[in-house]
């Protein structure tokens, strides 16, 4: 998320070492969630999860397997998933489990 002045879009960012970048991305993410009002946000992989935790510190409204978070003025369900690149190494049972969990997260987000 955010605009980069150097490197590539796939390079990892250290949010704590670049506070202006982190602040910009946090504002942009908040704007998106308040504008679009998503019912479910899917976070794919451990690096995006750390980023969300960093950007939305203290935003958890309800904890659990599918937490609800306040992002700006909007509350949404969050699904913490595996990264899609990792799926190439997963067997069919794990892919099926991930699909079932995504379906369950979506159903919970509707209530």
PDB file of N, CA and C in Angstrom:
ATOM      1  N   UNK A   1       0.838  -1.157   0.000  1.00  0.00           N
ATOM      2  CA  UNK A   1       0.000   0.000   0.000  1.00  0.00           C
ATOM      3  C   UNK A   1       0.893   1.232   0.000  1.00  0.00           C
ATOM      4  N   UNK A   2       0.446   2.251  -0.677  1.00  0.00           N
ATOM      5  CA  UNK A   2       1.190   3.501  -0.666  1.00  0.00           C
ATOM      6  C   UNK A   2       2.034   3.699  -1.909  1.00  0.00           C
ATOM      7  N   UNK A   3       2.641   4.843  -2.013  1.00  0.00           N
ATOM      8  CA  UNK A   3       3.467   5.192  -3.164  1.00  0.00           C
ATOM      9  C   UNK A   3       4.933   5.097  -2.766  1.00  0.00           C
ATOM     10  N   UNK A   4       5.728   4.578  -3.665  1.00  0.00           N
ATOM     11  CA  UNK A   4       7.158   4.435  -3.385  1.00  0.00           C
ATOM     12  C   UNK A   4       7.953   5.324  -4.326  1.00  0.00           C
ATOM     13  N   UNK A   5       9.002   5.881  -3.801  1.00  0.00           N
ATOM     14  CA  UNK A   5       9.870   6.731  -4.611  1.00  0.00           C
ATOM     15  C   UNK A   5      11.071   5.972  -5.138  1.00  0.00           C
ATOM     16  N   UNK A   6      11.389   4.823  -4.539  1.00  0.00           N
ATOM     17  CA  UNK A   6      12.506   4.018  -5.014  1.00  0.00           C
ATOM     18  C   UNK A   6      12.200   2.551  -4.738  1.00  0.00           C
ATOM     19  N   UNK A   7      13.014   1.650  -5.266  1.00  0.00           N
ATOM     20  CA  UNK A   7      12.795   0.218  -5.067  1.00  0.00           C
ATOM     21  C   UNK A   7      11.662  -0.290  -5.955  1.00  0.00           C
ATOM     22  N   UNK A   8      11.126  -1.440  -5.588  1.00  0.00           N
ATOM     23  CA  UNK A   8      10.039  -2.018  -6.371  1.00  0.00           C
ATOM     24  C   UNK A   8       8.797  -2.150  -5.505  1.00  0.00           C
ATOM     25  N   UNK A   9       7.671  -2.397  -6.137  1.00  0.00           N
ATOM     26  CA  UNK A   9       6.409  -2.564  -5.418  1.00  0.00           C
ATOM     27  C   UNK A   9       6.422  -3.829  -4.566  1.00  0.00           C
ATOM     28  N   UNK A  10       7.295  -4.777  -4.872  1.00  0.00           N
ATOM     29  CA  UNK A  10       7.335  -6.028  -4.136  1.00  0.00           C
ATOM     30  C   UNK A  10       8.295  -5.994  -2.951  1.00  0.00           C
ATOM     31  N   UNK A  11       9.091  -4.925  -2.846  1.00  0.00           N
ATOM     32  CA  UNK A  11      10.039  -4.827  -1.737  1.00  0.00           C
ATOM     33  C   UNK A  11       9.291  -4.579  -0.433  1.00  0.00           C
ATOM     34  N   UNK A  12       9.745  -5.194   0.656  1.00  0.00           N
ATOM     35  CA  UNK A  12       9.117  -4.998   1.956  1.00  0.00           C
ATOM     36  C   UNK A  12       9.475  -3.616   2.483  1.00  0.00           C
ATOM     37  N   UNK A  13       8.539  -3.015   3.192  1.00  0.00           N
ATOM     38  CA  UNK A  13       8.760  -1.703   3.783  1.00  0.00           C
ATOM     39  C   UNK A  13       8.854  -1.845   5.296  1.00  0.00           C
ATOM     40  N   UNK A  14       9.760  -1.132   5.916  1.00  0.00           N
ATOM     41  CA  UNK A  14       9.870  -1.067   7.364  1.00  0.00           C
ATOM     42  C   UNK A  14       9.101   0.179   7.802  1.00  0.00           C
ATOM     43  N   UNK A  15       7.868  -0.041   8.235  1.00  0.00           N
ATOM     44  CA  UNK A  15       6.958   1.060   8.560  1.00  0.00           C
ATOM     45  C   UNK A  15       7.491   1.943   9.684  1.00  0.00           C
ATOM     46  N   UNK A  16       8.170   1.345  10.617  1.00  0.00           N
ATOM     47  CA  UNK A  16       8.629   2.112  11.769  1.00  0.00           C
ATOM     48  C   UNK A  16       9.786   3.046  11.409  1.00  0.00           C
ATOM     49  N   UNK A  17      10.531   2.724  10.363  1.00  0.00           N
ATOM     50  CA  UNK A  17      11.678   3.553   9.975  1.00  0.00           C
ATOM     51  C   UNK A  17      11.271   4.666   9.025  1.00  0.00           C
ATOM     52  N   UNK A  18      10.052   4.622   8.524  1.00  0.00           N
ATOM     53  CA  UNK A  18       9.579   5.645   7.594  1.00  0.00           C
ATOM     54  C   UNK A  18       8.221   6.165   8.062  1.00  0.00           C
ATOM     55  N   UNK A  19       8.193   6.968   9.132  1.00  0.00           N
ATOM     56  CA  UNK A  19       6.923   7.395   9.722  1.00  0.00           C
ATOM     57  C   UNK A  19       6.022   8.185   8.773  1.00  0.00           C
ATOM     58  N   UNK A  20       6.603   8.990   7.870  1.00  0.00           N
ATOM     59  CA  UNK A  20       5.761   9.743   6.927  1.00  0.00           C
ATOM     60  C   UNK A  20       5.034   8.791   5.983  1.00  0.00           C
ATOM     61  N   UNK A  21       5.737   7.768   5.517  1.00  0.00           N
ATOM     62  CA  UNK A  21       5.141   6.778   4.616  1.00  0.00           C
ATOM     63  C   UNK A  21       4.042   6.010   5.335  1.00  0.00           C
ATOM     64  N   UNK A  22       4.321   5.608   6.567  1.00  0.00           N
ATOM     65  CA  UNK A  22       3.335   4.882   7.368  1.00  0.00           C
ATOM     66  C   UNK A  22       2.105   5.756   7.597  1.00  0.00           C
ATOM     67  N   UNK A  23       2.293   7.015   7.944  1.00  0.00           N
ATOM     68  CA  UNK A  23       1.180   7.930   8.187  1.00  0.00           C
ATOM     69  C   UNK A  23       0.347   8.102   6.918  1.00  0.00           C
ATOM     70  N   UNK A  24       1.013   8.315   5.769  1.00  0.00           N
ATOM     71  CA  UNK A  24       0.306   8.470   4.501  1.00  0.00           C
ATOM     72  C   UNK A  24      -0.524   7.229   4.186  1.00  0.00           C
ATOM     73  N   UNK A  25       0.089   6.049   4.334  1.00  0.00           N
ATOM     74  CA  UNK A  25      -0.619   4.806   4.035  1.00  0.00           C
ATOM     75  C   UNK A  25      -1.795   4.602   4.985  1.00  0.00           C
ATOM     76  N   UNK A  26      -1.602   4.943   6.250  1.00  0.00           N
ATOM     77  CA  UNK A  26      -2.694   4.827   7.212  1.00  0.00           C
ATOM     78  C   UNK A  26      -3.860   5.730   6.858  1.00  0.00           C
ATOM     79  N   UNK A  27      -3.571   6.970   6.488  1.00  0.00           N
ATOM     80  CA  UNK A  27      -4.638   7.892   6.072  1.00  0.00           C
ATOM     81  C   UNK A  27      -5.353   7.385   4.824  1.00  0.00           C
ATOM     82  N   UNK A  28      -4.586   6.892   3.866  1.00  0.00           N
ATOM     83  CA  UNK A  28      -5.161   6.394   2.620  1.00  0.00           C
ATOM     84  C   UNK A  28      -6.033   5.160   2.876  1.00  0.00           C
ATOM     85  N   UNK A  29      -5.558   4.257   3.707  1.00  0.00           N
ATOM     86  CA  UNK A  29      -6.316   3.055   4.049  1.00  0.00           C
ATOM     87  C   UNK A  29      -7.615   3.429   4.763  1.00  0.00           C
ATOM     88  N   UNK A  30      -7.529   4.371   5.695  1.00  0.00           N
ATOM     89  CA  UNK A  30      -8.719   4.839   6.403  1.00  0.00           C
ATOM     90  C   UNK A  30      -9.712   5.463   5.416  1.00  0.00           C
ATOM     91  N   UNK A  31      -9.220   6.273   4.492  1.00  0.00           N
ATOM     92  CA  UNK A  31     -10.085   6.892   3.474  1.00  0.00           C
ATOM     93  C   UNK A  31     -10.791   5.820   2.649  1.00  0.00           C
ATOM     94  N   UNK A  32     -10.042   4.799   2.234  1.00  0.00           N
ATOM     95  CA  UNK A  32     -10.636   3.723   1.439  1.00  0.00           C
ATOM     96  C   UNK A  32     -11.730   2.998   2.216  1.00  0.00           C
ATOM     97  N   UNK A  33     -11.457   2.654   3.465  1.00  0.00           N
ATOM     98  CA  UNK A  33     -12.451   1.902   4.233  1.00  0.00           C
ATOM     99  C   UNK A  33     -13.679   2.753   4.545  1.00  0.00           C
ATOM    100  N   UNK A  34     -13.486   4.039   4.811  1.00  0.00           N
ATOM    101  CA  UNK A  34     -14.643   4.898   5.068  1.00  0.00           C
ATOM    102  C   UNK A  34     -15.449   5.141   3.796  1.00  0.00           C
ATOM    103  N   UNK A  35     -14.787   5.199   2.658  1.00  0.00           N
ATOM    104  CA  UNK A  35     -15.483   5.430   1.386  1.00  0.00           C
ATOM    105  C   UNK A  35     -16.198   4.184   0.885  1.00  0.00           C
ATOM    106  N   UNK A  36     -15.509   3.044   0.928  1.00  0.00           N
ATOM    107  CA  UNK A  36     -16.053   1.811   0.358  1.00  0.00           C
ATOM    108  C   UNK A  36     -16.896   1.001   1.352  1.00  0.00           C
ATOM    109  N   UNK A  37     -16.650   1.207   2.640  1.00  0.00           N
ATOM    110  CA  UNK A  37     -17.360   0.496   3.703  1.00  0.00           C
ATOM    111  C   UNK A  37     -17.419  -1.018   3.464  1.00  0.00           C
ATOM    112  N   UNK A  38     -16.246  -1.657   3.332  1.00  0.00           N
ATOM    113  CA  UNK A  38     -16.239  -3.100   3.076  1.00  0.00           C
ATOM    114  C   UNK A  38     -16.782  -3.878   4.272  1.00  0.00           C
ATOM    115  N   UNK A  39     -17.459  -4.974   3.985  1.00  0.00           N
ATOM    116  CA  UNK A  39     -17.925  -5.853   5.054  1.00  0.00           C
ATOM    117  C   UNK A  39     -16.806  -6.761   5.530  1.00  0.00           C
ATOM    118  N   UNK A  40     -15.879  -7.083   4.615  1.00  0.00           N
ATOM    119  CA  UNK A  40     -14.790  -8.001   4.920  1.00  0.00           C
ATOM    120  C   UNK A  40     -13.510  -7.505   4.257  1.00  0.00           C
ATOM    121  N   UNK A  41     -12.430  -7.513   5.017  1.00  0.00           N
ATOM    122  CA  UNK A  41     -11.100  -7.235   4.463  1.00  0.00           C
ATOM    123  C   UNK A  41     -10.294  -8.511   4.611  1.00  0.00           C
ATOM    124  N   UNK A  42      -9.738  -8.989   3.504  1.00  0.00           N
ATOM    125  CA  UNK A  42      -8.919 -10.201   3.506  1.00  0.00           C
ATOM    126  C   UNK A  42      -7.463  -9.773   3.516  1.00  0.00           C
ATOM    127  N   UNK A  43      -6.750 -10.198   4.555  1.00  0.00           N
ATOM    128  CA  UNK A  43      -5.332  -9.877   4.717  1.00  0.00           C
ATOM    129  C   UNK A  43      -4.563 -11.143   4.371  1.00  0.00           C
ATOM    130  N   UNK A  44      -3.781 -11.094   3.289  1.00  0.00           N
ATOM    131  CA  UNK A  44      -3.135 -12.293   2.773  1.00  0.00           C
ATOM    132  C   UNK A  44      -1.660 -12.358   3.146  1.00  0.00           C
ATOM    133  N   UNK A  45      -1.363 -13.111   4.195  1.00  0.00           N
ATOM    134  CA  UNK A  45       0.023 -13.370   4.561  1.00  0.00           C
ATOM    135  C   UNK A  45       0.476 -12.618   5.785  1.00  0.00           C
ATOM    136  N   UNK A  46       1.636 -13.025   6.318  1.00  0.00           N
ATOM    137  CA  UNK A  46       2.129 -12.440   7.567  1.00  0.00           C
ATOM    138  C   UNK A  46       2.621 -11.000   7.439  1.00  0.00           C
ATOM    139  N   UNK A  47       3.195 -10.612   6.323  1.00  0.00           N
ATOM    140  CA  UNK A  47       3.697  -9.239   6.176  1.00  0.00           C
ATOM    141  C   UNK A  47       2.531  -8.247   6.117  1.00  0.00           C
ATOM    142  N   UNK A  48       1.498  -8.488   5.297  1.00  0.00           N
ATOM    143  CA  UNK A  48       0.345  -7.578   5.335  1.00  0.00           C
ATOM    144  C   UNK A  48      -0.341  -7.545   6.708  1.00  0.00           C
ATOM    145  N   UNK A  49      -0.320  -8.683   7.415  1.00  0.00           N
ATOM    146  CA  UNK A  49      -0.924  -8.698   8.750  1.00  0.00           C
ATOM    147  C   UNK A  49      -0.156  -7.772   9.689  1.00  0.00           C
ATOM    148  N   UNK A  50       1.169  -7.821   9.649  1.00  0.00           N
ATOM    149  CA  UNK A  50       1.967  -6.917  10.481  1.00  0.00           C
ATOM    150  C   UNK A  50       1.721  -5.461  10.094  1.00  0.00           C
ATOM    151  N   UNK A  51       1.558  -5.224   8.794  1.00  0.00           N
ATOM    152  CA  UNK A  51       1.285  -3.868   8.317  1.00  0.00           C
ATOM    153  C   UNK A  51      -0.052  -3.380   8.849  1.00  0.00           C
ATOM    154  N   UNK A  52      -1.092  -4.203   8.744  1.00  0.00           N
ATOM    155  CA  UNK A  52      -2.402  -3.818   9.255  1.00  0.00           C
ATOM    156  C   UNK A  52      -2.336  -3.572  10.760  1.00  0.00           C
ATOM    157  N   UNK A  53      -1.667  -4.449  11.479  1.00  0.00           N
ATOM    158  CA  UNK A  53      -1.520  -4.262  12.925  1.00  0.00           C
ATOM    159  C   UNK A  53      -0.828  -2.933  13.228  1.00  0.00           C
ATOM    160  N   UNK A  54       0.161  -2.583  12.417  1.00  0.00           N
ATOM    161  CA  UNK A  54       0.901  -1.339  12.626  1.00  0.00           C
ATOM    162  C   UNK A  54       0.039  -0.119  12.291  1.00  0.00           C
ATOM    163  N   UNK A  55      -0.703  -0.190  11.199  1.00  0.00           N
ATOM    164  CA  UNK A  55      -1.516   0.945  10.761  1.00  0.00           C
ATOM    165  C   UNK A  55      -2.755   1.146  11.627  1.00  0.00           C
ATOM    166  N   UNK A  56      -3.301   0.045  12.127  1.00  0.00           N
ATOM    167  CA  UNK A  56      -4.573   0.114  12.848  1.00  0.00           C
ATOM    168  C   UNK A  56      -4.407  -0.309  14.303  1.00  0.00           C
ATOM    169  N   UNK A  57      -3.315   0.070  14.915  1.00  0.00           N
ATOM    170  CA  UNK A  57      -3.044  -0.324  16.302  1.00  0.00           C
ATOM    171  C   UNK A  57      -4.193   0.093  17.211  1.00  0.00           C
ATOM    172  N   UNK A  58      -4.657  -0.846  18.005  1.00  0.00           N
ATOM    173  CA  UNK A  58      -5.731  -0.564  18.951  1.00  0.00           C
ATOM    174  C   UNK A  58      -7.108  -0.465  18.336  1.00  0.00           C
ATOM    175  N   UNK A  59      -7.258  -0.906  17.092  1.00  0.00           N
ATOM    176  CA  UNK A  59      -8.526  -0.751  16.386  1.00  0.00           C
ATOM    177  C   UNK A  59      -9.457  -1.948  16.525  1.00  0.00           C
ATOM    178  N   UNK A  60      -9.025  -2.999  17.213  1.00  0.00           N
ATOM    179  CA  UNK A  60      -9.852  -4.191  17.323  1.00  0.00           C
ATOM    180  C   UNK A  60     -11.060  -3.909  18.208  1.00  0.00           C
ATOM    181  N   UNK A  61     -12.239  -4.175  17.656  1.00  0.00           N
ATOM    182  CA  UNK A  61     -13.495  -3.993  18.380  1.00  0.00           C
ATOM    183  C   UNK A  61     -13.873  -5.309  19.063  1.00  0.00           C
ATOM    184  N   UNK A  62     -13.796  -6.406  18.315  1.00  0.00           N
ATOM    185  CA  UNK A  62     -14.009  -7.740  18.877  1.00  0.00           C
ATOM    186  C   UNK A  62     -12.873  -8.626  18.393  1.00  0.00           C
ATOM    187  N   UNK A  63     -12.334  -9.419  19.295  1.00  0.00           N
ATOM    188  CA  UNK A  63     -11.239 -10.323  18.952  1.00  0.00           C
ATOM    189  C   UNK A  63     -11.818 -11.657  18.498  1.00  0.00           C
ATOM    190  N   UNK A  64     -10.942 -12.574  18.152  1.00  0.00           N
ATOM    191  CA  UNK A  64     -11.368 -13.909  17.757  1.00  0.00           C
ATOM    192  C   UNK A  64     -10.810 -14.294  16.406  1.00  0.00           C
ATOM    193  N   UNK A  65     -11.343 -15.384  15.880  1.00  0.00           N
ATOM    194  CA  UNK A  65     -10.863 -15.912  14.604  1.00  0.00           C
ATOM    195  C   UNK A  65     -11.084 -14.921  13.464  1.00  0.00           C
ATOM    196  N   UNK A  66     -12.207 -14.223  13.501  1.00  0.00           N
ATOM    197  CA  UNK A  66     -12.535 -13.210  12.495  1.00  0.00           C
ATOM    198  C   UNK A  66     -12.801 -11.899  13.226  1.00  0.00           C
ATOM    199  N   UNK A  67     -11.743 -11.182  13.599  1.00  0.00           N
ATOM    200  CA  UNK A  67     -11.933  -9.972  14.408  1.00  0.00           C
ATOM    201  C   UNK A  67     -12.655  -8.872  13.638  1.00  0.00           C
ATOM    202  N   UNK A  68     -13.324  -8.019  14.386  1.00  0.00           N
ATOM    203  CA  UNK A  68     -13.894  -6.804  13.812  1.00  0.00           C
ATOM    204  C   UNK A  68     -12.975  -5.671  14.229  1.00  0.00           C
ATOM    205  N   UNK A  69     -12.663  -4.806  13.267  1.00  0.00           N
ATOM    206  CA  UNK A  69     -11.763  -3.690  13.527  1.00  0.00           C
ATOM    207  C   UNK A  69     -12.421  -2.381  13.115  1.00  0.00           C
ATOM    208  N   UNK A  70     -12.124  -1.335  13.871  1.00  0.00           N
ATOM    209  CA  UNK A  70     -12.567   0.015  13.504  1.00  0.00           C
ATOM    210  C   UNK A  70     -11.445   0.655  12.714  1.00  0.00           C
ATOM    211  N   UNK A  71     -11.742   0.964  11.469  1.00  0.00           N
ATOM    212  CA  UNK A  71     -10.774   1.604  10.581  1.00  0.00           C
ATOM    213  C   UNK A  71     -11.369   2.947  10.181  1.00  0.00           C
ATOM    214  N   UNK A  72     -10.899   4.002  10.828  1.00  0.00           N
ATOM    215  CA  UNK A  72     -11.539   5.299  10.662  1.00  0.00           C
ATOM    216  C   UNK A  72     -12.880   5.244  11.364  1.00  0.00           C
ATOM    217  N   UNK A  73     -13.936   5.610  10.661  1.00  0.00           N
ATOM    218  CA  UNK A  73     -15.273   5.575  11.237  1.00  0.00           C
ATOM    219  C   UNK A  73     -16.045   4.329  10.863  1.00  0.00           C
ATOM    220  N   UNK A  74     -15.390   3.335  10.293  1.00  0.00           N
ATOM    221  CA  UNK A  74     -16.066   2.130   9.810  1.00  0.00           C
ATOM    222  C   UNK A  74     -15.557   0.895  10.546  1.00  0.00           C
ATOM    223  N   UNK A  75     -16.480   0.006  10.896  1.00  0.00           N
ATOM    224  CA  UNK A  75     -16.111  -1.258  11.524  1.00  0.00           C
ATOM    225  C   UNK A  75     -16.311  -2.374  10.506  1.00  0.00           C
ATOM    226  N   UNK A  76     -15.310  -3.227  10.352  1.00  0.00           N
ATOM    227  CA  UNK A  76     -15.371  -4.309   9.377  1.00  0.00           C
ATOM    228  C   UNK A  76     -14.761  -5.585   9.944  1.00  0.00           C
ATOM    229  N   UNK A  77     -15.164  -6.709   9.384  1.00  0.00           N
ATOM    230  CA  UNK A  77     -14.588  -7.998   9.739  1.00  0.00           C
ATOM    231  C   UNK A  77     -13.284  -8.174   8.980  1.00  0.00           C
ATOM    232  N   UNK A  78     -12.312  -8.801   9.623  1.00  0.00           N
ATOM    233  CA  UNK A  78     -11.008  -9.040   9.004  1.00  0.00           C
ATOM    234  C   UNK A  78     -10.747 -10.537   8.970  1.00  0.00           C
ATOM    235  N   UNK A  79     -10.321 -11.026   7.806  1.00  0.00           N
ATOM    236  CA  UNK A  79      -9.941 -12.432   7.643  1.00  0.00           C
ATOM    237  C   UNK A  79      -8.448 -12.481   7.396  1.00  0.00           C
ATOM    238  N   UNK A  80      -7.728 -13.141   8.298  1.00  0.00           N
ATOM    239  CA  UNK A  80      -6.274 -13.274   8.184  1.00  0.00           C
ATOM    240  C   UNK A  80      -5.983 -14.589   7.477  1.00  0.00           C
ATOM    241  N   UNK A  81      -5.553 -14.502   6.236  1.00  0.00           N
ATOM    242  CA  UNK A  81      -5.383 -15.662   5.364  1.00  0.00           C
ATOM    243  C   UNK A  81      -3.906 -15.937   5.085  1.00  0.00           C
ATOM    244  N   UNK A  82      -3.675 -17.054   4.406  1.00  0.00           N
ATOM    245  CA  UNK A  82      -2.344 -17.342   3.910  1.00  0.00           C
ATOM    246  C   UNK A  82      -2.069 -16.444   2.711  1.00  0.00           C
ATOM    247  N   UNK A  83      -0.821 -16.376   2.298  1.00  0.00           N
ATOM    248  CA  UNK A  83      -0.478 -15.599   1.110  1.00  0.00           C
ATOM    249  C   UNK A  83      -0.714 -16.464  -0.122  1.00  0.00           C
ATOM    250  N   UNK A  84      -1.291 -15.908  -1.187  1.00  0.00           N
ATOM    251  CA  UNK A  84      -1.588 -16.729  -2.365  1.00  0.00           C
ATOM    252  C   UNK A  84      -0.368 -17.411  -2.986  1.00  0.00           C
ATOM    253  N   UNK A  85       0.816 -16.804  -2.887  1.00  0.00           N
ATOM    254  CA  UNK A  85       1.999 -17.465  -3.439  1.00  0.00           C
ATOM    255  C   UNK A  85       2.303 -18.749  -2.683  1.00  0.00           C
ATOM    256  N   UNK A  86       1.989 -18.760  -1.400  1.00  0.00           N
ATOM    257  CA  UNK A  86       2.189 -19.960  -0.599  1.00  0.00           C
ATOM    258  C   UNK A  86       1.263 -21.088  -1.017  1.00  0.00           C
ATOM    259  N   UNK A  87       0.140 -20.753  -1.633  1.00  0.00           N
ATOM    260  CA  UNK A  87      -0.835 -21.773  -2.029  1.00  0.00           C
ATOM    261  C   UNK A  87      -0.266 -22.750  -3.048  1.00  0.00           C
ATOM    262  N   UNK A  88       0.760 -22.366  -3.776  1.00  0.00           N
ATOM    263  CA  UNK A  88       1.348 -23.283  -4.754  1.00  0.00           C
ATOM    264  C   UNK A  88       1.963 -24.501  -4.064  1.00  0.00           C
ATOM    265  N   UNK A  89       2.326 -24.334  -2.805  1.00  0.00           N
ATOM    266  CA  UNK A  89       2.943 -25.418  -2.051  1.00  0.00           C
ATOM    267  C   UNK A  89       1.950 -26.154  -1.154  1.00  0.00           C
ATOM    268  N   UNK A  90       0.683 -25.747  -1.167  1.00  0.00           N
ATOM    269  CA  UNK A  90      -0.308 -26.352  -0.291  1.00  0.00           C
ATOM    270  C   UNK A  90      -0.991 -27.514  -0.995  1.00  0.00           C
ATOM    271  N   UNK A  91      -1.356 -28.507  -0.210  1.00  0.00           N
ATOM    272  CA  UNK A  91      -2.104 -29.622  -0.790  1.00  0.00           C
ATOM    273  C   UNK A  91      -3.586 -29.240  -0.876  1.00  0.00           C
ATOM    274  N   UNK A  92      -4.359 -30.094  -1.506  1.00  0.00           N
ATOM    275  CA  UNK A  92      -5.774 -29.795  -1.734  1.00  0.00           C
ATOM    276  C   UNK A  92      -6.542 -29.632  -0.420  1.00  0.00           C
ATOM    277  N   UNK A  93      -6.182 -30.389   0.599  1.00  0.00           N
ATOM    278  CA  UNK A  93      -6.877 -30.286   1.882  1.00  0.00           C
ATOM    279  C   UNK A  93      -6.695 -28.899   2.495  1.00  0.00           C
ATOM    280  N   UNK A  94      -5.483 -28.350   2.418  1.00  0.00           N
ATOM    281  CA  UNK A  94      -5.226 -27.028   2.976  1.00  0.00           C
ATOM    282  C   UNK A  94      -5.932 -25.950   2.156  1.00  0.00           C
ATOM    283  N   UNK A  95      -5.929 -26.106   0.849  1.00  0.00           N
ATOM    284  CA  UNK A  95      -6.660 -25.148   0.001  1.00  0.00           C
ATOM    285  C   UNK A  95      -8.143 -25.183   0.324  1.00  0.00           C
ATOM    286  N   UNK A  96      -8.669 -26.375   0.537  1.00  0.00           N
ATOM    287  CA  UNK A  96     -10.078 -26.527   0.864  1.00  0.00           C
ATOM    288  C   UNK A  96     -10.388 -25.872   2.213  1.00  0.00           C
ATOM    289  N   UNK A  97      -9.501 -26.069   3.189  1.00  0.00           N
ATOM    290  CA  UNK A  97      -9.690 -25.456   4.501  1.00  0.00           C
ATOM    291  C   UNK A  97      -9.685 -23.936   4.398  1.00  0.00           C
ATOM    292  N   UNK A  98      -8.730 -23.380   3.636  1.00  0.00           N
ATOM    293  CA  UNK A  98      -8.675 -21.928   3.459  1.00  0.00           C
ATOM    294  C   UNK A  98      -9.956 -21.407   2.812  1.00  0.00           C
ATOM    295  N   UNK A  99     -10.457 -22.145   1.815  1.00  0.00           N
ATOM    296  CA  UNK A  99     -11.706 -21.750   1.158  1.00  0.00           C
ATOM    297  C   UNK A  99     -12.881 -21.772   2.121  1.00  0.00           C
ATOM    298  N   UNK A 100     -12.941 -22.792   2.965  1.00  0.00           N
ATOM    299  CA  UNK A 100     -14.022 -22.896   3.958  1.00  0.00           C
ATOM    300  C   UNK A 100     -13.937 -21.755   4.971  1.00  0.00           C
ATOM    301  N   UNK A 101     -12.723 -21.432   5.395  1.00  0.00           N
ATOM    302  CA  UNK A 101     -12.554 -20.346   6.356  1.00  0.00           C
ATOM    303  C   UNK A 101     -12.933 -18.997   5.741  1.00  0.00           C
ATOM    304  N   UNK A 102     -12.594 -18.789   4.479  1.00  0.00           N
ATOM    305  CA  UNK A 102     -12.988 -17.556   3.805  1.00  0.00           C
ATOM    306  C   UNK A 102     -14.508 -17.467   3.711  1.00  0.00           C
ATOM    307  N   UNK A 103     -15.154 -18.570   3.374  1.00  0.00           N
ATOM    308  CA  UNK A 103     -16.619 -18.608   3.296  1.00  0.00           C
ATOM    309  C   UNK A 103     -17.226 -18.275   4.669  1.00  0.00           C
ATOM    310  N   UNK A 104     -16.673 -18.861   5.721  1.00  0.00           N
ATOM    311  CA  UNK A 104     -17.170 -18.601   7.073  1.00  0.00           C
ATOM    312  C   UNK A 104     -16.963 -17.134   7.466  1.00  0.00           C
ATOM    313  N   UNK A 105     -15.811 -16.579   7.124  1.00  0.00           N
ATOM    314  CA  UNK A 105     -15.541 -15.165   7.423  1.00  0.00           C
ATOM    315  C   UNK A 105     -16.563 -14.278   6.721  1.00  0.00           C
ATOM    316  N   UNK A 106     -16.871 -14.587   5.466  1.00  0.00           N
ATOM    317  CA  UNK A 106     -17.845 -13.800   4.710  1.00  0.00           C
ATOM    318  C   UNK A 106     -19.230 -13.892   5.351  1.00  0.00           C
ATOM    319  N   UNK A 107     -19.613 -15.098   5.748  1.00  0.00           N
ATOM    320  CA  UNK A 107     -20.928 -15.275   6.395  1.00  0.00           C
ATOM    321  C   UNK A 107     -20.998 -14.480   7.700  1.00  0.00           C
ATOM    322  N   UNK A 108     -19.945 -14.487   8.481  1.00  0.00           N
ATOM    323  CA  UNK A 108     -19.933 -13.731   9.738  1.00  0.00           C
ATOM    324  C   UNK A 108     -19.949 -12.226   9.478  1.00  0.00           C
ATOM    325  N   UNK A 109     -19.309 -11.812   8.401  1.00  0.00           N
ATOM    326  CA  UNK A 109     -19.281 -10.387   8.076  1.00  0.00           C
ATOM    327  C   UNK A 109     -20.665  -9.867   7.689  1.00  0.00           C
ATOM    328  N   UNK A 110     -21.540 -10.757   7.254  1.00  0.00           N
ATOM    329  CA  UNK A 110     -22.886 -10.359   6.854  1.00  0.00           C
ATOM    330  C   UNK A 110     -23.787 -10.076   8.062  1.00  0.00           C
ATOM    331  N   UNK A 111     -23.414 -10.625   9.230  1.00  0.00           N
ATOM    332  CA  UNK A 111     -24.286 -10.456  10.403  1.00  0.00           C
ATOM    333  C   UNK A 111     -23.903  -9.250  11.226  1.00  0.00           C
TER     334      UNK A 111
END
